Amino acid sequence: MTTVEGLSTYVDGGVARLVLDRPAKRNAMSLEMWQRFPHVLGDLVEDPAVRVVVVVGAGDHFCAGADIGDLLSGPDPADPMVPVREADLAAQRALLDCRKPTVAAVRGSCIGGGLELAASCDLRVAEEGARFGVTPARLGVAYAPTGIRTLLDLVGPATTRRLLLTAGLIDALEAHRVGLVDVLTGPGELDDAVAGLTDELCSRSQLTIAAVKETVRLLLDGEDPEPAAQARYRETIASGELAEGVLAFTERRDPRFPWAGGPA
């Protein structure tokens, strides 16, 4: 287990947990936590033992957002939010660009910057009782396009407008209905549901997963995915990944995929 200011990590059986570890503040993200987040995530991604990264909050909450005390702490009085804004956007981008699958495990509050982190993961599992919201309209903050774009990709323009314009909170059931939550669990079932999902992800072809993540990101960014997709297709053959998948299917056994990772 590794711990830095407000962030803890540990790896078990191919699954890394990146814990937002500030329970006394409902895991509100301090400036230092925002700044360290991409580096902590990057270390996990570079670990060959890690196949899936789970982002989770310590205690009863995922994350209540950015620490309000840091919002206006920048040295430039004309733009005091610069440090928090830049670090927040870098953390979101680190998750969006992560080449390994990411899962947000949500209980309790998932608000503001917490929702930005959860929405930037590939998948979101939430427990009944969780609450979601994006609240810049309560603070007079002009919300960055990156966060708006991520919400648009997940829930479409109507729900994005409702969340941002009203700054209201929705419960886990509503979040699941609109597509913000992928898996909804009953009380006390979050850990088991996340374990089942991560086991499934770990058992799949990591090359296929990397290729899917790459293609989705290129499509969302309006870029041509074909060159990268063709390269990945050739890699499935050259690495033996496809041959092993087909052989395992014909032999009715679990595949032992050989691909150990590569750029995505």
C-alpha atoms as a PDB file:
ATOM      1  CA  MET A   1       0.000   0.000   0.000  1.00  0.00           C
ATOM      2  CA  THR A   2       1.258   3.465  -0.931  1.00  0.00           C
ATOM      3  CA  THR A   3       0.003   6.716   0.573  1.00  0.00           C
ATOM      4  CA  VAL A   4       0.597  10.333  -0.411  1.00  0.00           C
ATOM      5  CA  GLU A   5      -1.324  13.396   0.745  1.00  0.00           C
ATOM      6  CA  GLY A   6      -4.990  12.421   0.527  1.00  0.00           C
ATOM      7  CA  LEU A   7      -4.431   9.520  -1.890  1.00  0.00           C
ATOM      8  CA  SER A   8      -3.764   5.856  -1.138  1.00  0.00           C
ATOM      9  CA  THR A   9      -3.140   2.968  -3.509  1.00  0.00           C
ATOM     10  CA  TYR A  10      -2.836  -0.789  -3.292  1.00  0.00           C
ATOM     11  CA  VAL A  11      -2.764  -3.631  -5.790  1.00  0.00           C
ATOM     12  CA  ASP A  12      -4.277  -7.070  -5.361  1.00  0.00           C
ATOM     13  CA  GLY A  13      -4.795  -9.721  -8.031  1.00  0.00           C
ATOM     14  CA  GLY A  14      -4.417  -7.403 -11.003  1.00  0.00           C
ATOM     15  CA  VAL A  15      -6.769  -4.765  -9.543  1.00  0.00           C
ATOM     16  CA  ALA A  16      -5.393  -1.458  -8.294  1.00  0.00           C
ATOM     17  CA  ARG A  17      -7.404   0.721  -5.968  1.00  0.00           C
ATOM     18  CA  LEU A  18      -6.778   4.446  -6.012  1.00  0.00           C
ATOM     19  CA  VAL A  19      -8.413   5.704  -2.836  1.00  0.00           C
ATOM     20  CA  LEU A  20      -9.475   9.308  -2.326  1.00  0.00           C
ATOM     21  CA  ASP A  21      -8.427   9.242   1.293  1.00  0.00           C
ATOM     22  CA  ARG A  22      -9.680  12.279   3.181  1.00  0.00           C
ATOM     23  CA  PRO A  23     -12.778  10.932   4.929  1.00  0.00           C
ATOM     24  CA  ALA A  24     -13.041  13.751   7.464  1.00  0.00           C
ATOM     25  CA  LYS A  25     -13.755  16.099   4.526  1.00  0.00           C
ATOM     26  CA  ARG A  26     -15.924  13.579   2.628  1.00  0.00           C
ATOM     27  CA  ASN A  27     -12.819  13.093   0.447  1.00  0.00           C
ATOM     28  CA  ALA A  28     -12.948  16.634  -0.919  1.00  0.00           C
ATOM     29  CA  MET A  29     -10.012  17.121  -3.281  1.00  0.00           C
ATOM     30  CA  SER A  30      -7.347  19.499  -2.037  1.00  0.00           C
ATOM     31  CA  LEU A  31      -5.079  21.263  -4.513  1.00  0.00           C
ATOM     32  CA  GLU A  32      -2.283  18.847  -3.671  1.00  0.00           C
ATOM     33  CA  MET A  33      -4.568  15.866  -4.289  1.00  0.00           C
ATOM     34  CA  TRP A  34      -5.531  17.240  -7.709  1.00  0.00           C
ATOM     35  CA  GLN A  35      -1.875  17.842  -8.540  1.00  0.00           C
ATOM     36  CA  ARG A  36      -0.718  14.403  -7.435  1.00  0.00           C
ATOM     37  CA  PHE A  37      -3.576  12.452  -8.955  1.00  0.00           C
ATOM     38  CA  PRO A  38      -2.142  12.062 -12.518  1.00  0.00           C
ATOM     39  CA  HIS A  39       1.212  10.895 -11.155  1.00  0.00           C
ATOM     40  CA  VAL A  40      -0.350   8.382  -8.754  1.00  0.00           C
ATOM     41  CA  LEU A  41      -2.581   7.038 -11.522  1.00  0.00           C
ATOM     42  CA  GLY A  42       0.372   6.919 -13.920  1.00  0.00           C
ATOM     43  CA  ASP A  43       2.405   4.803 -11.497  1.00  0.00           C
ATOM     44  CA  LEU A  44      -0.449   2.288 -11.298  1.00  0.00           C
ATOM     45  CA  VAL A  45      -0.825   2.149 -15.078  1.00  0.00           C
ATOM     46  CA  GLU A  46       2.895   1.495 -15.510  1.00  0.00           C
ATOM     47  CA  ASP A  47       2.750  -1.431 -13.057  1.00  0.00           C
ATOM     48  CA  PRO A  48       2.616  -4.593 -15.231  1.00  0.00           C
ATOM     49  CA  ALA A  49       0.676  -6.382 -12.495  1.00  0.00           C
ATOM     50  CA  VAL A  50      -2.242  -3.936 -12.834  1.00  0.00           C
ATOM     51  CA  ARG A  51      -5.032  -4.692 -15.290  1.00  0.00           C
ATOM     52  CA  VAL A  52      -7.836  -2.541 -13.860  1.00  0.00           C
ATOM     53  CA  VAL A  53      -7.839   0.642 -11.769  1.00  0.00           C
ATOM     54  CA  VAL A  54     -10.701   1.264  -9.338  1.00  0.00           C
ATOM     55  CA  VAL A  55     -11.167   4.813  -8.045  1.00  0.00           C
ATOM     56  CA  VAL A  56     -12.963   4.800  -4.706  1.00  0.00           C
ATOM     57  CA  GLY A  57     -13.489   7.066  -1.722  1.00  0.00           C
ATOM     58  CA  ALA A  58     -12.482   6.220   1.833  1.00  0.00           C
ATOM     59  CA  GLY A  59     -15.329   5.746   4.267  1.00  0.00           C
ATOM     60  CA  ASP A  60     -18.922   6.615   3.449  1.00  0.00           C
ATOM     61  CA  HIS A  61     -18.420   8.940   0.465  1.00  0.00           C
ATOM     62  CA  PHE A  62     -16.802   8.962  -2.957  1.00  0.00           C
ATOM     63  CA  CYS A  63     -15.891  12.634  -3.156  1.00  0.00           C
ATOM     64  CA  ALA A  64     -17.721  15.830  -2.193  1.00  0.00           C
ATOM     65  CA  GLY A  65     -15.831  17.854  -4.807  1.00  0.00           C
ATOM     66  CA  ALA A  66     -12.977  20.318  -4.737  1.00  0.00           C
ATOM     67  CA  ASP A  67     -11.996  21.762  -1.379  1.00  0.00           C
ATOM     68  CA  ILE A  68     -13.699  25.174  -1.390  1.00  0.00           C
ATOM     69  CA  GLY A  69     -10.827  26.609   0.640  1.00  0.00           C
ATOM     70  CA  ASP A  70      -8.456  26.085  -2.293  1.00  0.00           C
ATOM     71  CA  LEU A  71     -10.614  27.586  -5.047  1.00  0.00           C
ATOM     72  CA  LEU A  72      -9.388  31.165  -4.653  1.00  0.00           C
ATOM     73  CA  SER A  73      -5.926  30.406  -3.296  1.00  0.00           C
ATOM     74  CA  GLY A  74      -3.923  31.095  -6.460  1.00  0.00           C
ATOM     75  CA  PRO A  75      -1.233  33.789  -6.491  1.00  0.00           C
ATOM     76  CA  ASP A  76      -2.825  35.843  -9.291  1.00  0.00           C
ATOM     77  CA  PRO A  77      -5.675  37.961  -7.884  1.00  0.00           C
ATOM     78  CA  ALA A  78      -6.990  38.448 -11.421  1.00  0.00           C
ATOM     79  CA  ASP A  79      -7.443  34.677 -11.778  1.00  0.00           C
ATOM     80  CA  PRO A  80      -7.058  32.978  -8.383  1.00  0.00           C
ATOM     81  CA  MET A  81      -8.524  29.661  -9.600  1.00  0.00           C
ATOM     82  CA  VAL A  82      -5.662  28.920 -12.025  1.00  0.00           C
ATOM     83  CA  PRO A  83      -3.859  26.266  -9.907  1.00  0.00           C
ATOM     84  CA  VAL A  84      -7.033  24.338  -9.031  1.00  0.00           C
ATOM     85  CA  ARG A  85      -8.492  24.606 -12.531  1.00  0.00           C
ATOM     86  CA  GLU A  86      -5.314  23.386 -14.238  1.00  0.00           C
ATOM     87  CA  ALA A  87      -4.785  20.537 -11.768  1.00  0.00           C
ATOM     88  CA  ASP A  88      -8.443  19.480 -11.936  1.00  0.00           C
ATOM     89  CA  LEU A  89      -8.361  19.350 -15.737  1.00  0.00           C
ATOM     90  CA  ALA A  90      -5.095  17.377 -15.672  1.00  0.00           C
ATOM     91  CA  ALA A  91      -6.654  14.794 -13.346  1.00  0.00           C
ATOM     92  CA  GLN A  92      -9.677  14.402 -15.619  1.00  0.00           C
ATOM     93  CA  ARG A  93      -7.454  14.067 -18.670  1.00  0.00           C
ATOM     94  CA  ALA A  94      -5.309  11.442 -16.954  1.00  0.00           C
ATOM     95  CA  LEU A  95      -8.395   9.281 -16.446  1.00  0.00           C
ATOM     96  CA  LEU A  96      -9.824   9.926 -19.910  1.00  0.00           C
ATOM     97  CA  ASP A  97      -6.490   8.990 -21.528  1.00  0.00           C
ATOM     98  CA  CYS A  98      -5.727   6.052 -19.222  1.00  0.00           C
ATOM     99  CA  ARG A  99      -4.820   3.035 -21.350  1.00  0.00           C
ATOM    100  CA  LYS A 100      -6.117   0.537 -18.776  1.00  0.00           C
ATOM    101  CA  PRO A 101      -9.793   0.187 -17.831  1.00  0.00           C
ATOM    102  CA  THR A 102     -10.969   2.376 -14.963  1.00  0.00           C
ATOM    103  CA  VAL A 103     -13.955   1.886 -12.670  1.00  0.00           C
ATOM    104  CA  ALA A 104     -15.436   4.397 -10.234  1.00  0.00           C
ATOM    105  CA  ALA A 105     -16.922   2.746  -7.129  1.00  0.00           C
ATOM    106  CA  VAL A 106     -19.403   5.248  -5.706  1.00  0.00           C
ATOM    107  CA  ARG A 107     -21.144   5.439  -2.359  1.00  0.00           C
ATOM    108  CA  GLY A 108     -22.401   8.536  -0.622  1.00  0.00           C
ATOM    109  CA  SER A 109     -21.583  11.930  -2.147  1.00  0.00           C
ATOM    110  CA  CYS A 110     -20.278  12.176  -5.716  1.00  0.00           C
ATOM    111  CA  ILE A 111     -20.482  15.880  -6.351  1.00  0.00           C
ATOM    112  CA  GLY A 112     -18.644  18.547  -8.346  1.00  0.00           C
ATOM    113  CA  GLY A 113     -15.039  17.512  -8.827  1.00  0.00           C
ATOM    114  CA  GLY A 114     -15.953  14.056  -7.532  1.00  0.00           C
ATOM    115  CA  LEU A 115     -18.441  13.629 -10.345  1.00  0.00           C
ATOM    116  CA  GLU A 116     -15.791  14.844 -12.792  1.00  0.00           C
ATOM    117  CA  LEU A 117     -13.498  12.023 -11.656  1.00  0.00           C
ATOM    118  CA  ALA A 118     -16.248   9.399 -11.747  1.00  0.00           C
ATOM    119  CA  ALA A 119     -17.484  10.522 -15.164  1.00  0.00           C
ATOM    120  CA  SER A 120     -13.931  10.366 -16.527  1.00  0.00           C
ATOM    121  CA  CYS A 121     -13.680   6.665 -15.647  1.00  0.00           C
ATOM    122  CA  ASP A 122     -14.744   4.023 -18.155  1.00  0.00           C
ATOM    123  CA  LEU A 123     -17.435   2.547 -15.906  1.00  0.00           C
ATOM    124  CA  ARG A 124     -19.312   3.603 -12.782  1.00  0.00           C
ATOM    125  CA  VAL A 125     -20.759   1.291 -10.122  1.00  0.00           C
ATOM    126  CA  ALA A 126     -22.913   2.969  -7.481  1.00  0.00           C
ATOM    127  CA  GLU A 127     -24.682   1.898  -4.342  1.00  0.00           C
ATOM    128  CA  GLU A 128     -28.239   2.909  -3.505  1.00  0.00           C
ATOM    129  CA  GLY A 129     -28.083   6.051  -1.423  1.00  0.00           C
ATOM    130  CA  ALA A 130     -25.343   7.666  -3.506  1.00  0.00           C
ATOM    131  CA  ARG A 131     -26.000  11.240  -4.652  1.00  0.00           C
ATOM    132  CA  PHE A 132     -24.686  12.921  -7.782  1.00  0.00           C
ATOM    133  CA  GLY A 133     -24.484  16.551  -8.800  1.00  0.00           C
ATOM    134  CA  VAL A 134     -22.461  19.237 -10.556  1.00  0.00           C
ATOM    135  CA  THR A 135     -22.677  22.476  -8.646  1.00  0.00           C
ATOM    136  CA  PRO A 136     -20.726  25.347 -10.324  1.00  0.00           C
ATOM    137  CA  ALA A 137     -23.960  27.355 -10.582  1.00  0.00           C
ATOM    138  CA  ARG A 138     -24.044  27.493  -6.774  1.00  0.00           C
ATOM    139  CA  LEU A 139     -20.570  29.056  -6.703  1.00  0.00           C
ATOM    140  CA  GLY A 140     -20.504  31.284  -9.762  1.00  0.00           C
ATOM    141  CA  VAL A 141     -17.909  29.140 -11.515  1.00  0.00           C
ATOM    142  CA  ALA A 142     -17.743  29.007 -15.330  1.00  0.00           C
ATOM    143  CA  TYR A 143     -17.586  25.263 -15.880  1.00  0.00           C
ATOM    144  CA  ALA A 144     -14.770  24.017 -18.111  1.00  0.00           C
ATOM    145  CA  PRO A 145     -15.664  22.474 -21.508  1.00  0.00           C
ATOM    146  CA  THR A 146     -13.828  19.229 -20.656  1.00  0.00           C
ATOM    147  CA  GLY A 147     -16.291  18.377 -17.901  1.00  0.00           C
ATOM    148  CA  ILE A 148     -19.270  19.393 -20.014  1.00  0.00           C
ATOM    149  CA  ARG A 149     -18.051  17.264 -22.910  1.00  0.00           C
ATOM    150  CA  THR A 150     -17.630  14.226 -20.661  1.00  0.00           C
ATOM    151  CA  LEU A 151     -21.183  14.608 -19.346  1.00  0.00           C
ATOM    152  CA  LEU A 152     -22.536  15.070 -22.877  1.00  0.00           C
ATOM    153  CA  ASP A 153     -20.886  11.823 -23.944  1.00  0.00           C
ATOM    154  CA  LEU A 154     -22.482   9.974 -21.016  1.00  0.00           C
ATOM    155  CA  VAL A 155     -25.961  11.398 -20.587  1.00  0.00           C
ATOM    156  CA  GLY A 156     -26.672  13.656 -23.581  1.00  0.00           C
ATOM    157  CA  PRO A 157     -27.465  17.370 -23.758  1.00  0.00           C
ATOM    158  CA  ALA A 158     -30.785  17.425 -21.888  1.00  0.00           C
ATOM    159  CA  THR A 159     -29.504  15.818 -18.685  1.00  0.00           C
ATOM    160  CA  THR A 160     -26.209  17.719 -18.929  1.00  0.00           C
ATOM    161  CA  ARG A 161     -28.129  20.990 -19.035  1.00  0.00           C
ATOM    162  CA  ARG A 162     -30.358  19.962 -16.136  1.00  0.00           C
ATOM    163  CA  LEU A 163     -27.414  18.983 -13.938  1.00  0.00           C
ATOM    164  CA  LEU A 164     -25.405  22.109 -14.694  1.00  0.00           C
ATOM    165  CA  LEU A 165     -28.159  24.704 -14.858  1.00  0.00           C
ATOM    166  CA  THR A 166     -29.954  23.649 -11.687  1.00  0.00           C
ATOM    167  CA  ALA A 167     -26.922  22.472  -9.678  1.00  0.00           C
ATOM    168  CA  GLY A 168     -29.382  19.978  -8.201  1.00  0.00           C
ATOM    169  CA  LEU A 169     -28.580  16.521  -6.882  1.00  0.00           C
ATOM    170  CA  ILE A 170     -29.954  13.260  -8.221  1.00  0.00           C
ATOM    171  CA  ASP A 171     -30.018   9.897  -6.483  1.00  0.00           C
ATOM    172  CA  ALA A 172     -28.356   6.714  -7.678  1.00  0.00           C
ATOM    173  CA  LEU A 173     -31.569   5.351  -9.172  1.00  0.00           C
ATOM    174  CA  GLU A 174     -32.014   8.445 -11.328  1.00  0.00           C
ATOM    175  CA  ALA A 175     -28.308   8.440 -12.227  1.00  0.00           C
ATOM    176  CA  HIS A 176     -28.665   4.854 -13.404  1.00  0.00           C
ATOM    177  CA  ARG A 177     -31.759   5.685 -15.419  1.00  0.00           C
ATOM    178  CA  VAL A 178     -30.065   8.517 -17.320  1.00  0.00           C
ATOM    179  CA  GLY A 179     -26.871   6.536 -17.996  1.00  0.00           C
ATOM    180  CA  LEU A 180     -24.532   8.190 -15.526  1.00  0.00           C
ATOM    181  CA  VAL A 181     -24.267   4.947 -13.533  1.00  0.00           C
ATOM    182  CA  ASP A 182     -23.598   1.651 -15.314  1.00  0.00           C
ATOM    183  CA  VAL A 183     -24.241  -0.762 -12.430  1.00  0.00           C
ATOM    184  CA  LEU A 184     -26.560  -0.023  -9.525  1.00  0.00           C
ATOM    185  CA  THR A 185     -26.271  -2.107  -6.356  1.00  0.00           C
ATOM    186  CA  GLY A 186     -28.273  -2.489  -3.200  1.00  0.00           C
ATOM    187  CA  PRO A 187     -27.065  -1.294   0.201  1.00  0.00           C
ATOM    188  CA  GLY A 188     -23.855  -3.027   1.256  1.00  0.00           C
ATOM    189  CA  GLU A 189     -23.374  -4.678  -2.147  1.00  0.00           C
ATOM    190  CA  LEU A 190     -20.954  -2.223  -3.753  1.00  0.00           C
ATOM    191  CA  ASP A 191     -17.721  -4.064  -2.992  1.00  0.00           C
ATOM    192  CA  ASP A 192     -19.042  -7.390  -4.285  1.00  0.00           C
ATOM    193  CA  ALA A 193     -20.372  -5.785  -7.467  1.00  0.00           C
ATOM    194  CA  VAL A 194     -17.057  -4.037  -8.129  1.00  0.00           C
ATOM    195  CA  ALA A 195     -15.153  -7.267  -7.473  1.00  0.00           C
ATOM    196  CA  GLY A 196     -17.343  -9.143  -9.959  1.00  0.00           C
ATOM    197  CA  LEU A 197     -16.850  -6.464 -12.601  1.00  0.00           C
ATOM    198  CA  THR A 198     -13.092  -6.234 -12.139  1.00  0.00           C
ATOM    199  CA  ASP A 199     -12.740 -10.028 -12.227  1.00  0.00           C
ATOM    200  CA  GLU A 200     -14.553  -9.974 -15.549  1.00  0.00           C
ATOM    201  CA  LEU A 201     -12.353  -7.204 -16.933  1.00  0.00           C
ATOM    202  CA  CYS A 202      -9.170  -8.947 -15.790  1.00  0.00           C
ATOM    203  CA  SER A 203     -10.203 -12.160 -17.555  1.00  0.00           C
ATOM    204  CA  ARG A 204     -10.692 -10.503 -20.950  1.00  0.00           C
ATOM    205  CA  SER A 205      -8.162  -9.744 -23.667  1.00  0.00           C
ATOM    206  CA  GLN A 206      -6.280  -6.694 -22.502  1.00  0.00           C
ATOM    207  CA  LEU A 207      -5.345  -6.005 -26.116  1.00  0.00           C
ATOM    208  CA  THR A 208      -9.022  -5.883 -27.089  1.00  0.00           C
ATOM    209  CA  ILE A 209      -9.720  -3.572 -24.157  1.00  0.00           C
ATOM    210  CA  ALA A 210      -6.847  -1.272 -25.102  1.00  0.00           C
ATOM    211  CA  ALA A 211      -8.043  -1.163 -28.712  1.00  0.00           C
ATOM    212  CA  VAL A 212     -11.632  -0.371 -27.701  1.00  0.00           C
ATOM    213  CA  LYS A 213     -10.537   2.424 -25.364  1.00  0.00           C
ATOM    214  CA  GLU A 214      -8.313   3.866 -28.052  1.00  0.00           C
ATOM    215  CA  THR A 215     -11.011   3.788 -30.720  1.00  0.00           C
ATOM    216  CA  VAL A 216     -13.693   5.272 -28.469  1.00  0.00           C
ATOM    217  CA  ARG A 217     -11.436   8.152 -27.486  1.00  0.00           C
ATOM    218  CA  LEU A 218     -10.478   8.908 -31.099  1.00  0.00           C
ATOM    219  CA  LEU A 219     -14.124   8.837 -32.193  1.00  0.00           C
ATOM    220  CA  LEU A 220     -15.184  11.138 -29.376  1.00  0.00           C
ATOM    221  CA  ASP A 221     -12.348  13.507 -30.250  1.00  0.00           C
ATOM    222  CA  GLY A 222     -13.458  13.579 -33.893  1.00  0.00           C
ATOM    223  CA  GLU A 223     -10.306  11.883 -35.175  1.00  0.00           C
ATOM    224  CA  ASP A 224      -9.946   9.049 -37.687  1.00  0.00           C
ATOM    225  CA  PRO A 225      -9.662   5.774 -35.722  1.00  0.00           C
ATOM    226  CA  GLU A 226      -8.891   3.538 -38.698  1.00  0.00           C
ATOM    227  CA  PRO A 227      -5.056   3.695 -38.695  1.00  0.00           C
ATOM    228  CA  ALA A 228      -4.866   2.839 -34.996  1.00  0.00           C
ATOM    229  CA  ALA A 229      -7.550   0.154 -35.337  1.00  0.00           C
ATOM    230  CA  GLN A 230      -5.692  -1.481 -38.215  1.00  0.00           C
ATOM    231  CA  ALA A 231      -2.480  -1.482 -36.205  1.00  0.00           C
ATOM    232  CA  ARG A 232      -4.263  -3.119 -33.284  1.00  0.00           C
ATOM    233  CA  TYR A 233      -5.815  -5.692 -35.602  1.00  0.00           C
ATOM    234  CA  ARG A 234      -2.373  -6.680 -36.888  1.00  0.00           C
ATOM    235  CA  GLU A 235      -1.146  -6.811 -33.305  1.00  0.00           C
ATOM    236  CA  THR A 236      -3.842  -9.339 -32.337  1.00  0.00           C
ATOM    237  CA  ILE A 237      -2.361 -11.684 -34.934  1.00  0.00           C
ATOM    238  CA  ALA A 238       1.330 -10.998 -34.340  1.00  0.00           C
ATOM    239  CA  SER A 239       1.009 -11.337 -30.554  1.00  0.00           C
ATOM    240  CA  GLY A 240      -0.943 -14.600 -30.682  1.00  0.00           C
ATOM    241  CA  GLU A 241      -3.858 -12.992 -28.859  1.00  0.00           C
ATOM    242  CA  LEU A 242      -6.423 -13.869 -31.516  1.00  0.00           C
ATOM    243  CA  ALA A 243      -5.088 -17.408 -31.977  1.00  0.00           C
ATOM    244  CA  GLU A 244      -5.325 -18.088 -28.236  1.00  0.00           C
ATOM    245  CA  GLY A 245      -8.859 -16.691 -28.057  1.00  0.00           C
ATOM    246  CA  VAL A 246     -10.069 -18.873 -30.906  1.00  0.00           C
ATOM    247  CA  LEU A 247      -8.277 -21.971 -29.570  1.00  0.00           C
ATOM    248  CA  ALA A 248      -9.699 -21.497 -26.074  1.00  0.00           C
ATOM    249  CA  PHE A 249     -13.183 -21.109 -27.522  1.00  0.00           C
ATOM    250  CA  THR A 250     -12.914 -24.343 -29.538  1.00  0.00           C
ATOM    251  CA  GLU A 251     -11.454 -26.202 -26.554  1.00  0.00           C
ATOM    252  CA  ARG A 252     -14.136 -24.779 -24.245  1.00  0.00           C
ATOM    253  CA  ARG A 253     -11.682 -23.440 -21.696  1.00  0.00           C
ATOM    254  CA  ASP A 254     -10.749 -20.052 -20.301  1.00  0.00           C
ATOM    255  CA  PRO A 255      -8.263 -18.248 -22.549  1.00  0.00           C
ATOM    256  CA  ARG A 256      -4.712 -17.501 -21.436  1.00  0.00           C
ATOM    257  CA  PHE A 257      -4.145 -14.335 -23.401  1.00  0.00           C
ATOM    258  CA  PRO A 258      -0.435 -13.650 -23.995  1.00  0.00           C
ATOM    259  CA  TRP A 259      -0.539  -9.888 -24.620  1.00  0.00           C
ATOM    260  CA  ALA A 260       1.073  -8.081 -21.703  1.00  0.00           C
ATOM    261  CA  GLY A 261       0.474  -4.476 -22.652  1.00  0.00           C
ATOM    262  CA  GLY A 262       1.550  -1.760 -24.998  1.00  0.00           C
ATOM    263  CA  PRO A 263       0.897   1.843 -25.926  1.00  0.00           C
ATOM    264  CA  ALA A 264      -2.696   2.951 -26.311  1.00  0.00           C
END
